[in-house]
Amino acid sequence: MALSKYRTDAAVAANVAEAAQTGSPAYWVCLALLLATVALAARIALLW
């Protein structure tokens, strides 16, 4: 029972940490790189 409580607490802490990092510049840089990669893949697919 204690192990499941620990897992639940860890999951809650991870969610809080993830929500806090959403406003960080690194998050936006990674998101921009991901979108640029998808856009590049789409252009290559269209030209092929």
N, C-alpha and C. Protein backbone atom coordinates (compact mmCIF):
# COMPACT_ATOMS: atom_id res chain seq x y z
N MET A 1 0.83 -1.19 0.00
CA MET A 1 0.00 0.00 0.00
C MET A 1 0.88 1.26 0.00
N ALA A 2 1.99 1.21 0.75
CA ALA A 2 2.87 2.38 0.82
C ALA A 2 3.53 2.64 -0.53
N LEU A 3 3.81 1.56 -1.27
CA LEU A 3 4.47 1.72 -2.57
C LEU A 3 3.56 2.45 -3.55
N SER A 4 2.27 2.11 -3.54
CA SER A 4 1.36 2.80 -4.46
C SER A 4 1.19 4.26 -4.06
N LYS A 5 1.21 4.54 -2.77
CA LYS A 5 1.14 5.94 -2.31
C LYS A 5 2.37 6.70 -2.77
N TYR A 6 3.54 6.05 -2.69
CA TYR A 6 4.78 6.69 -3.14
C TYR A 6 4.72 6.96 -4.64
N ARG A 7 4.22 6.01 -5.40
CA ARG A 7 4.12 6.20 -6.85
C ARG A 7 3.15 7.34 -7.17
N THR A 8 2.06 7.42 -6.44
CA THR A 8 1.09 8.48 -6.68
C THR A 8 1.71 9.84 -6.35
N ASP A 9 2.42 9.92 -5.23
CA ASP A 9 3.07 11.18 -4.86
C ASP A 9 4.12 11.57 -5.90
N ALA A 10 4.86 10.58 -6.39
CA ALA A 10 5.89 10.87 -7.40
C ALA A 10 5.24 11.35 -8.69
N ALA A 11 4.12 10.75 -9.06
CA ALA A 11 3.42 11.18 -10.28
C ALA A 11 2.91 12.60 -10.14
N VAL A 12 2.37 12.92 -8.98
CA VAL A 12 1.88 14.28 -8.74
C VAL A 12 3.04 15.28 -8.80
N ALA A 13 4.17 14.93 -8.19
CA ALA A 13 5.33 15.82 -8.20
C ALA A 13 5.85 16.00 -9.62
N ALA A 14 5.85 14.92 -10.41
CA ALA A 14 6.31 15.03 -11.80
C ALA A 14 5.39 15.93 -12.61
N ASN A 15 4.08 15.82 -12.38
CA ASN A 15 3.14 16.67 -13.10
C ASN A 15 3.31 18.13 -12.73
N VAL A 16 3.55 18.40 -11.47
CA VAL A 16 3.78 19.78 -11.02
C VAL A 16 5.05 20.33 -11.63
N ALA A 17 6.10 19.51 -11.66
CA ALA A 17 7.37 19.95 -12.24
C ALA A 17 7.22 20.19 -13.73
N GLU A 18 6.48 19.34 -14.40
CA GLU A 18 6.27 19.51 -15.84
C GLU A 18 5.49 20.78 -16.12
N ALA A 19 4.48 21.06 -15.33
CA ALA A 19 3.69 22.26 -15.52
C ALA A 19 4.54 23.50 -15.28
N ALA A 20 5.46 23.44 -14.33
CA ALA A 20 6.31 24.59 -14.03
C ALA A 20 7.29 24.84 -15.17
N GLN A 21 7.72 23.80 -15.86
CA GLN A 21 8.72 23.96 -16.91
C GLN A 21 8.11 24.41 -18.23
N THR A 22 6.81 24.42 -18.33
CA THR A 22 6.17 24.80 -19.58
C THR A 22 6.52 26.23 -19.98
N GLY A 23 6.73 27.10 -19.02
CA GLY A 23 7.05 28.48 -19.33
C GLY A 23 8.53 28.73 -19.54
N SER A 24 9.36 27.71 -19.43
CA SER A 24 10.80 27.90 -19.55
C SER A 24 11.20 28.08 -21.01
N PRO A 25 12.26 28.84 -21.26
CA PRO A 25 12.71 29.06 -22.64
C PRO A 25 13.12 27.76 -23.34
N ALA A 26 13.69 26.82 -22.61
CA ALA A 26 14.11 25.55 -23.23
C ALA A 26 12.91 24.81 -23.80
N TYR A 27 11.78 24.88 -23.13
CA TYR A 27 10.56 24.23 -23.63
C TYR A 27 10.18 24.81 -24.98
N TRP A 28 10.21 26.13 -25.10
CA TRP A 28 9.80 26.77 -26.35
C TRP A 28 10.81 26.51 -27.45
N VAL A 29 12.10 26.44 -27.12
CA VAL A 29 13.12 26.13 -28.13
C VAL A 29 12.92 24.72 -28.66
N CYS A 30 12.68 23.78 -27.76
CA CYS A 30 12.45 22.40 -28.19
C CYS A 30 11.18 22.29 -29.03
N LEU A 31 10.15 23.01 -28.64
CA LEU A 31 8.91 22.99 -29.41
C LEU A 31 9.12 23.58 -30.80
N ALA A 32 9.87 24.67 -30.89
CA ALA A 32 10.16 25.29 -32.18
C ALA A 32 10.98 24.35 -33.06
N LEU A 33 11.96 23.67 -32.47
CA LEU A 33 12.75 22.71 -33.24
C LEU A 33 11.91 21.55 -33.73
N LEU A 34 11.00 21.09 -32.90
CA LEU A 34 10.11 20.00 -33.31
C LEU A 34 9.22 20.43 -34.47
N LEU A 35 8.66 21.62 -34.37
CA LEU A 35 7.81 22.12 -35.45
C LEU A 35 8.60 22.35 -36.74
N ALA A 36 9.84 22.84 -36.60
CA ALA A 36 10.67 23.05 -37.79
C ALA A 36 11.02 21.71 -38.44
N THR A 37 11.25 20.69 -37.64
CA THR A 37 11.54 19.36 -38.18
C THR A 37 10.34 18.81 -38.93
N VAL A 38 9.16 18.98 -38.37
CA VAL A 38 7.94 18.51 -39.04
C VAL A 38 7.72 19.27 -40.33
N ALA A 39 7.94 20.58 -40.32
CA ALA A 39 7.76 21.38 -41.53
C ALA A 39 8.77 20.97 -42.61
N LEU A 40 10.00 20.71 -42.22
CA LEU A 40 11.01 20.28 -43.17
C LEU A 40 10.67 18.91 -43.75
N ALA A 41 10.20 18.02 -42.91
CA ALA A 41 9.80 16.69 -43.39
C ALA A 41 8.64 16.80 -44.38
N ALA A 42 7.72 17.70 -44.10
CA ALA A 42 6.58 17.89 -45.01
C ALA A 42 7.06 18.44 -46.35
N ARG A 43 7.98 19.37 -46.34
CA ARG A 43 8.51 19.93 -47.60
C ARG A 43 9.24 18.87 -48.41
N ILE A 44 10.03 18.06 -47.72
CA ILE A 44 10.75 16.99 -48.42
C ILE A 44 9.77 15.99 -49.01
N ALA A 45 8.73 15.67 -48.26
CA ALA A 45 7.74 14.71 -48.75
C ALA A 45 7.00 15.27 -49.97
N LEU A 46 6.73 16.57 -49.97
CA LEU A 46 6.04 17.18 -51.10
C LEU A 46 6.92 17.23 -52.34
N LEU A 47 8.22 17.47 -52.16
CA LEU A 47 9.13 17.54 -53.29
C LEU A 47 9.46 16.18 -53.85
N TRP A 48 9.34 15.16 -53.04
CA TRP A 48 9.68 13.81 -53.45
C TRP A 48 8.57 13.28 -54.24
